[in-house]
Amino acid sequence: MDIANMIFFDEDDDDALFGEDLEVLDIIDFGFPRRIYPRSNHFHQMDELTFFQRFRLRKETVLNILINIEDQLEYASDMNNSVTPMDQLLTSLRFYASAGHLASIADFMGMHLSTASRVIQRVSRGEDAEVFRNRKTYFSVNVQVITDSRLRICDIVARWPGSTHDMTIFANSRIKARFDVREFGNAILLGDSGYALSPYLMTPILNPNTHAEQLYNESHIRTRNIVERLFGVWKRRFPVLAYGLRLQLNTVLAVIVATAVLHNIAREMNEEEPPLPINMQENQMNRLIEEGNVRIPNGNPENIHASRNQFIQYFNNL
């Protein structure tokens, strides 16, 4: 006896197959149906504390920021479920406040991954990849920052590869040209031993011999610690800077500058320093911050000592 495997179709099966064919034809003619993502109104639905924890800034500060950039973020129409300026700003703030995983940001804000990426680039906007590899073998950007005693960023240069020497960045910066023409009067800068001594740039003495020179170095270290604290506060407010950015280089540079601007706004608005991200310990954050402080060996500093000697003489007279 032969046994045959038979497949039977009834009228319902025919209808189902025909319906599937029609769906395929619709996709060919009109493309895949657009997915509409539900979006929560985080600004109004979150209480002040939860909002501060998620976005690292108070609602009042966010509103003040939005007023200044809303015109640049507004779309011409509300078609295609366009992202509002507020949601664009919050998407970027959430990214700055996170470990930088775009998929998580997109899910949190209710949008497609590609939309989140474009939004962050839009809000933040403002080569040979190997040269961006630093001495610790990972890719980085060497950021030059000048700060004041209130931890405000007075000047920032964020465009040089991580392998670039600090003095090279400063030598090619606009702020150096302004100091060269004495635009700031008798103001001085403090830098570490990676910089060359100049009449307006004070560096530590590598081998202090006198008590006055030791006092000078101690004072120099205490004062310059402000910039180290700045980097800590800056990265704690926007942990994406400590975790590392997984974006195209141009967007990375824009994010660095954008977070610097937001940091200054936070200082002006007397924002509290936000807590550590959820599931992160203090020692983990400190380690990430320290790993970002890449030291490049000192070059050949200029032999200009006159201005620094005045400070040493001051300590000698104490």
Protein backbone atom coordinates (compact mmCIF):
# COMPACT_ATOMS: atom_id res chain seq x y z
CA MET A 1 0.00 0.00 0.00
CA ASP A 2 1.34 3.38 -0.96
CA ILE A 3 0.90 6.21 1.49
CA ALA A 4 0.78 9.75 0.10
CA ASN A 5 1.04 12.97 2.08
CA MET A 6 -1.86 15.11 1.04
CA ILE A 7 -2.46 18.80 1.69
CA PHE A 8 -6.03 19.93 1.61
CA PHE A 9 -7.18 23.52 1.15
CA ASP A 10 -10.57 24.77 2.03
CA GLU A 11 -12.13 28.09 1.11
CA ASP A 12 -10.88 29.78 4.31
CA ASP A 13 -7.29 28.86 3.43
CA ASP A 14 -7.71 30.36 -0.02
CA ASP A 15 -9.00 33.60 1.49
CA ALA A 16 -6.07 33.76 3.93
CA LEU A 17 -3.47 33.24 1.22
CA PHE A 18 -5.17 35.78 -0.99
CA GLY A 19 -5.16 38.29 1.86
CA GLU A 20 -1.44 37.80 2.42
CA ASP A 21 -0.81 38.37 -1.28
CA LEU A 22 -2.70 41.64 -1.11
CA GLU A 23 -0.58 42.74 1.88
CA VAL A 24 2.61 42.02 -0.08
CA LEU A 25 1.27 44.01 -3.04
CA ASP A 26 0.41 46.92 -0.74
CA ILE A 27 3.98 46.93 0.65
CA ILE A 28 5.38 46.90 -2.90
CA ASP A 29 3.13 49.79 -3.93
CA PHE A 30 3.18 51.91 -0.76
CA GLY A 31 6.14 50.66 1.30
CA PHE A 32 6.06 49.38 4.86
CA PRO A 33 3.50 51.07 7.08
CA ARG A 34 4.94 53.88 9.19
CA ARG A 35 5.25 53.09 12.88
CA ILE A 36 3.96 55.79 15.19
CA TYR A 37 5.80 55.80 18.51
CA PRO A 38 3.85 56.83 21.62
CA ARG A 39 5.64 59.65 23.44
CA SER A 40 5.32 60.60 27.07
CA ASN A 41 5.29 64.21 28.20
CA HIS A 42 8.26 63.86 30.55
CA PHE A 43 8.42 67.58 31.33
CA HIS A 44 4.89 67.71 32.75
CA GLN A 45 4.51 64.14 34.00
CA MET A 46 7.71 63.90 36.05
CA ASP A 47 8.06 65.55 39.43
CA GLU A 48 10.96 67.94 39.92
CA LEU A 49 13.25 65.43 41.65
CA THR A 50 12.71 62.64 39.12
CA PHE A 51 13.19 65.11 36.27
CA PHE A 52 16.46 66.34 37.80
CA GLN A 53 17.71 62.76 38.21
CA ARG A 54 16.90 61.82 34.61
CA PHE A 55 17.98 64.99 32.82
CA ARG A 56 20.55 66.48 35.29
CA LEU A 57 18.97 69.95 35.19
CA ARG A 58 15.95 71.51 36.87
CA LYS A 59 12.82 72.25 34.84
CA GLU A 60 13.33 76.00 35.21
CA THR A 61 16.80 75.76 33.69
CA VAL A 62 15.56 73.58 30.83
CA LEU A 63 12.85 76.12 30.01
CA ASN A 64 15.43 78.92 29.95
CA ILE A 65 17.58 76.89 27.54
CA LEU A 66 14.60 76.06 25.33
CA ILE A 67 13.70 79.74 24.94
CA ASN A 68 17.08 80.40 23.34
CA ILE A 69 17.11 77.47 20.89
CA GLU A 70 13.44 76.75 20.19
CA ASP A 71 13.42 78.69 16.90
CA GLN A 72 16.29 76.58 15.56
CA LEU A 73 14.61 73.30 16.56
CA GLU A 74 11.06 73.98 15.40
CA TYR A 75 9.93 72.00 12.36
CA ALA A 76 7.91 73.68 9.61
CA SER A 77 4.86 71.45 10.29
CA ASP A 78 3.60 68.76 12.65
CA MET A 79 3.40 66.16 9.88
CA ASN A 80 4.91 62.69 10.33
CA ASN A 81 4.73 62.93 14.12
CA SER A 82 7.56 65.48 14.22
CA VAL A 83 9.55 65.79 17.43
CA THR A 84 8.80 68.95 19.40
CA PRO A 85 11.65 71.29 20.40
CA MET A 86 11.15 70.30 24.03
CA ASP A 87 11.41 66.58 23.22
CA GLN A 88 14.49 67.25 21.09
CA LEU A 89 16.15 69.06 23.98
CA LEU A 90 15.17 66.36 26.49
CA THR A 91 16.43 63.63 24.16
CA SER A 92 19.84 65.29 24.05
CA LEU A 93 19.91 65.93 27.79
CA ARG A 94 18.98 62.31 28.48
CA PHE A 95 21.80 61.20 26.18
CA TYR A 96 24.30 63.47 27.96
CA ALA A 97 23.11 62.09 31.30
CA SER A 98 23.49 58.44 30.31
CA ALA A 99 26.07 55.91 29.22
CA GLY A 100 25.44 56.92 25.62
CA HIS A 101 23.39 53.94 24.39
CA LEU A 102 21.21 55.42 21.65
CA ALA A 103 18.75 52.50 21.64
CA SER A 104 17.93 53.08 25.31
CA ILE A 105 17.53 56.83 24.73
CA ALA A 106 15.23 56.22 21.76
CA ASP A 107 13.04 53.81 23.74
CA PHE A 108 12.88 56.19 26.70
CA MET A 109 11.85 59.15 24.53
CA GLY A 110 9.50 57.19 22.22
CA MET A 111 11.23 57.48 18.85
CA HIS A 112 13.19 55.44 16.34
CA LEU A 113 16.91 54.96 16.88
CA SER A 114 17.79 56.94 13.75
CA THR A 115 15.54 59.79 14.86
CA ALA A 116 17.27 59.97 18.24
CA SER A 117 20.64 60.09 16.52
CA ARG A 118 19.58 62.95 14.23
CA VAL A 119 18.00 64.86 17.11
CA ILE A 120 21.14 64.68 19.25
CA GLN A 121 23.25 65.84 16.32
CA ARG A 122 20.79 68.66 15.59
CA VAL A 123 20.70 69.95 19.15
CA SER A 124 24.42 69.52 19.80
CA ARG A 125 25.60 70.74 16.45
CA GLY A 126 26.69 73.92 17.03
CA GLU A 127 39.83 62.36 8.78
CA ASP A 128 42.18 59.98 9.74
CA ALA A 129 40.74 58.24 12.81
CA GLU A 130 44.07 56.77 13.91
CA VAL A 131 45.44 60.15 14.98
CA PHE A 132 42.64 60.29 17.57
CA ARG A 133 44.17 57.31 19.38
CA ASN A 134 45.88 58.48 22.58
CA ARG A 135 48.72 57.04 24.65
CA LYS A 136 46.28 54.73 26.46
CA THR A 137 45.45 53.19 23.04
CA TYR A 138 41.80 54.22 22.86
CA PHE A 139 40.38 56.94 20.62
CA SER A 140 39.91 60.32 22.25
CA VAL A 141 39.76 64.07 21.77
CA ASN A 142 42.17 66.32 23.67
CA VAL A 143 40.02 69.12 25.08
CA GLN A 144 41.61 72.36 26.26
CA VAL A 145 39.57 74.18 28.89
CA ILE A 146 40.15 77.39 30.84
CA THR A 147 38.06 77.85 33.97
CA ASP A 148 37.62 80.51 36.64
CA SER A 149 37.29 80.16 40.40
CA ARG A 150 33.52 79.55 40.07
CA LEU A 151 34.07 76.50 37.85
CA ARG A 152 32.72 78.31 34.79
CA ILE A 153 34.29 77.37 31.47
CA CYS A 154 35.79 80.57 30.07
CA ASP A 155 37.29 79.05 26.93
CA ILE A 156 37.18 75.63 25.27
CA VAL A 157 38.97 74.07 22.30
CA ALA A 158 37.55 70.68 21.30
CA ARG A 159 38.83 69.66 17.89
CA TRP A 160 42.28 68.11 18.38
CA PRO A 161 43.10 64.36 18.41
CA GLY A 162 43.91 62.72 21.73
CA SER A 163 47.50 62.18 20.60
CA THR A 164 48.13 65.93 20.29
CA HIS A 165 50.41 67.59 22.84
CA ASP A 166 48.77 70.13 25.14
CA MET A 167 51.20 72.86 24.10
CA THR A 168 50.42 72.32 20.43
CA ILE A 169 46.73 72.95 21.09
CA PHE A 170 47.44 76.07 23.12
CA ALA A 171 49.95 77.42 20.59
CA ASN A 172 47.31 77.24 17.87
CA SER A 173 44.41 78.59 19.93
CA ARG A 174 42.74 81.97 19.69
CA ILE A 175 43.01 82.49 23.44
CA LYS A 176 46.83 82.44 23.21
CA ALA A 177 46.76 85.11 20.51
CA ARG A 178 44.57 87.25 22.77
CA PHE A 179 46.98 86.85 25.69
CA ASP A 180 49.92 87.62 23.39
CA VAL A 181 48.49 91.08 22.64
CA ARG A 182 47.76 91.66 26.35
CA GLU A 183 44.00 91.78 25.83
CA PHE A 184 43.51 90.66 29.45
CA GLY A 185 45.98 93.06 31.05
CA ASN A 186 47.99 91.48 33.86
CA ALA A 187 45.82 88.34 34.03
CA ILE A 188 47.70 85.03 34.13
CA LEU A 189 46.98 81.40 33.36
CA LEU A 190 48.07 78.36 35.34
CA GLY A 191 49.10 75.24 33.46
CA ASP A 192 50.79 71.96 34.29
CA SER A 193 54.28 70.96 33.18
CA GLY A 194 52.96 70.04 29.74
CA TYR A 195 52.94 73.74 28.88
CA ALA A 196 55.80 76.11 28.18
CA LEU A 197 56.44 78.87 30.70
CA SER A 198 55.59 82.36 29.40
CA PRO A 199 55.01 85.84 30.89
CA TYR A 200 51.29 85.06 31.30
CA LEU A 201 51.35 81.26 31.69
CA MET A 202 52.71 80.02 34.99
CA THR A 203 53.91 76.41 35.24
CA PRO A 204 55.23 74.45 38.25
CA ILE A 205 58.94 74.25 39.02
CA LEU A 206 60.09 70.75 38.18
CA ASN A 207 62.87 70.62 40.81
CA PRO A 208 62.24 73.19 43.55
CA ASN A 209 65.36 73.97 45.59
CA THR A 210 64.29 76.70 47.99
CA HIS A 211 61.46 77.02 50.48
CA ALA A 212 59.99 79.85 48.37
CA GLU A 213 59.94 77.60 45.30
CA GLN A 214 58.22 74.87 47.31
CA LEU A 215 55.58 77.36 48.50
CA TYR A 216 55.09 78.50 44.91
CA ASN A 217 54.52 74.94 43.75
CA GLU A 218 52.10 74.22 46.60
CA SER A 219 50.11 77.35 45.82
CA HIS A 220 50.16 76.53 42.12
CA ILE A 221 48.83 73.01 42.74
CA ARG A 222 46.06 74.16 45.09
CA THR A 223 44.90 76.84 42.66
CA ARG A 224 45.11 74.64 39.57
CA ASN A 225 43.09 71.91 41.30
CA ILE A 226 40.06 74.00 40.37
CA VAL A 227 40.28 72.78 36.78
CA GLU A 228 40.52 69.16 37.99
CA ARG A 229 37.37 69.72 40.04
CA LEU A 230 35.70 71.29 37.00
CA PHE A 231 36.24 68.14 34.96
CA GLY A 232 34.79 66.07 37.79
CA VAL A 233 31.67 68.23 38.12
CA TRP A 234 31.24 68.44 34.35
CA LYS A 235 31.45 64.67 33.86
CA ARG A 236 29.23 63.91 36.85
CA ARG A 237 26.50 66.14 35.47
CA PHE A 238 26.85 64.65 31.98
CA PRO A 239 28.20 61.08 32.48
CA VAL A 240 28.31 60.41 28.74
CA LEU A 241 31.60 62.34 28.78
CA ALA A 242 33.03 59.84 31.26
CA TYR A 243 31.58 56.70 29.67
CA GLY A 244 32.71 57.60 26.16
CA LEU A 245 30.80 58.72 23.08
CA ARG A 246 29.72 56.26 20.39
CA LEU A 247 29.05 58.81 17.68
CA GLN A 248 30.61 60.20 14.55
CA LEU A 249 33.56 62.49 15.25
CA ASN A 250 31.83 65.74 14.26
CA THR A 251 28.92 64.93 16.56
CA VAL A 252 31.32 64.02 19.38
CA LEU A 253 32.95 67.45 19.13
CA ALA A 254 29.54 69.14 19.09
CA VAL A 255 28.38 67.18 22.17
CA ILE A 256 31.50 68.21 24.12
CA VAL A 257 30.93 71.89 23.40
CA ALA A 258 27.17 71.63 24.00
CA THR A 259 27.66 70.07 27.44
CA ALA A 260 30.20 72.79 28.25
CA VAL A 261 27.59 75.44 27.46
CA LEU A 262 24.99 73.58 29.55
CA HIS A 263 27.49 73.30 32.40
CA ASN A 264 27.96 77.08 32.40
CA ILE A 265 24.19 77.62 32.35
CA ALA A 266 23.86 75.24 35.29
CA ARG A 267 26.48 77.23 37.23
CA GLU A 268 24.73 80.52 36.45
CA MET A 269 21.38 79.04 37.55
CA ASN A 270 22.96 77.74 40.78
CA GLU A 271 22.03 74.17 39.91
CA GLU A 272 22.89 71.55 42.49
CA GLU A 273 25.42 68.94 41.51
CA PRO A 274 23.34 65.92 40.43
CA PRO A 275 23.67 62.52 42.07
CA LEU A 276 25.58 59.69 40.48
CA PRO A 277 23.75 57.73 37.77
CA ILE A 278 21.69 54.79 38.96
CA ASN A 279 23.73 51.59 39.50
CA MET A 280 27.04 53.44 39.59
CA GLN A 281 29.34 53.68 42.60
CA GLU A 282 31.51 56.69 43.45
CA ASN A 283 34.74 54.79 42.82
CA GLN A 284 33.51 53.76 39.36
CA MET A 285 32.85 57.36 38.37
CA ASN A 286 36.20 58.48 39.78
CA ARG A 287 37.95 55.78 37.78
CA LEU A 288 36.21 56.83 34.56
CA ILE A 289 37.14 60.46 35.16
CA GLU A 290 40.77 59.59 35.87
CA GLU A 291 41.00 57.40 32.76
CA GLY A 292 39.97 60.41 30.70
CA ASN A 293 42.86 62.51 32.04
CA VAL A 294 45.52 61.42 29.59
CA ARG A 295 48.91 62.96 30.34
CA ILE A 296 51.24 63.57 27.41
CA PRO A 297 55.00 63.88 28.10
CA ASN A 298 56.39 67.38 28.41
CA GLY A 299 58.10 68.99 25.45
CA ASN A 300 60.87 71.57 25.58
CA PRO A 301 59.56 74.59 27.49
CA GLU A 302 60.84 78.04 26.64
CA ASN A 303 63.36 79.48 29.03
CA ILE A 304 61.24 82.41 30.17
CA HIS A 305 61.30 82.82 33.94
CA ALA A 306 60.82 86.51 34.67
CA SER A 307 57.12 86.46 35.52
CA ARG A 308 57.34 83.26 37.54
CA ASN A 309 60.32 84.60 39.48
CA GLN A 310 58.13 87.47 40.69
CA PHE A 311 55.82 84.97 42.33
CA ILE A 312 58.74 83.08 43.82
CA GLN A 313 60.07 86.34 45.24
CA TYR A 314 56.66 86.96 46.79
CA PHE A 315 56.81 83.63 48.63
CA ASN A 316 60.40 84.32 49.59
CA ASN A 317 59.28 87.48 51.40
CA LEU A 318 56.63 85.72 53.47
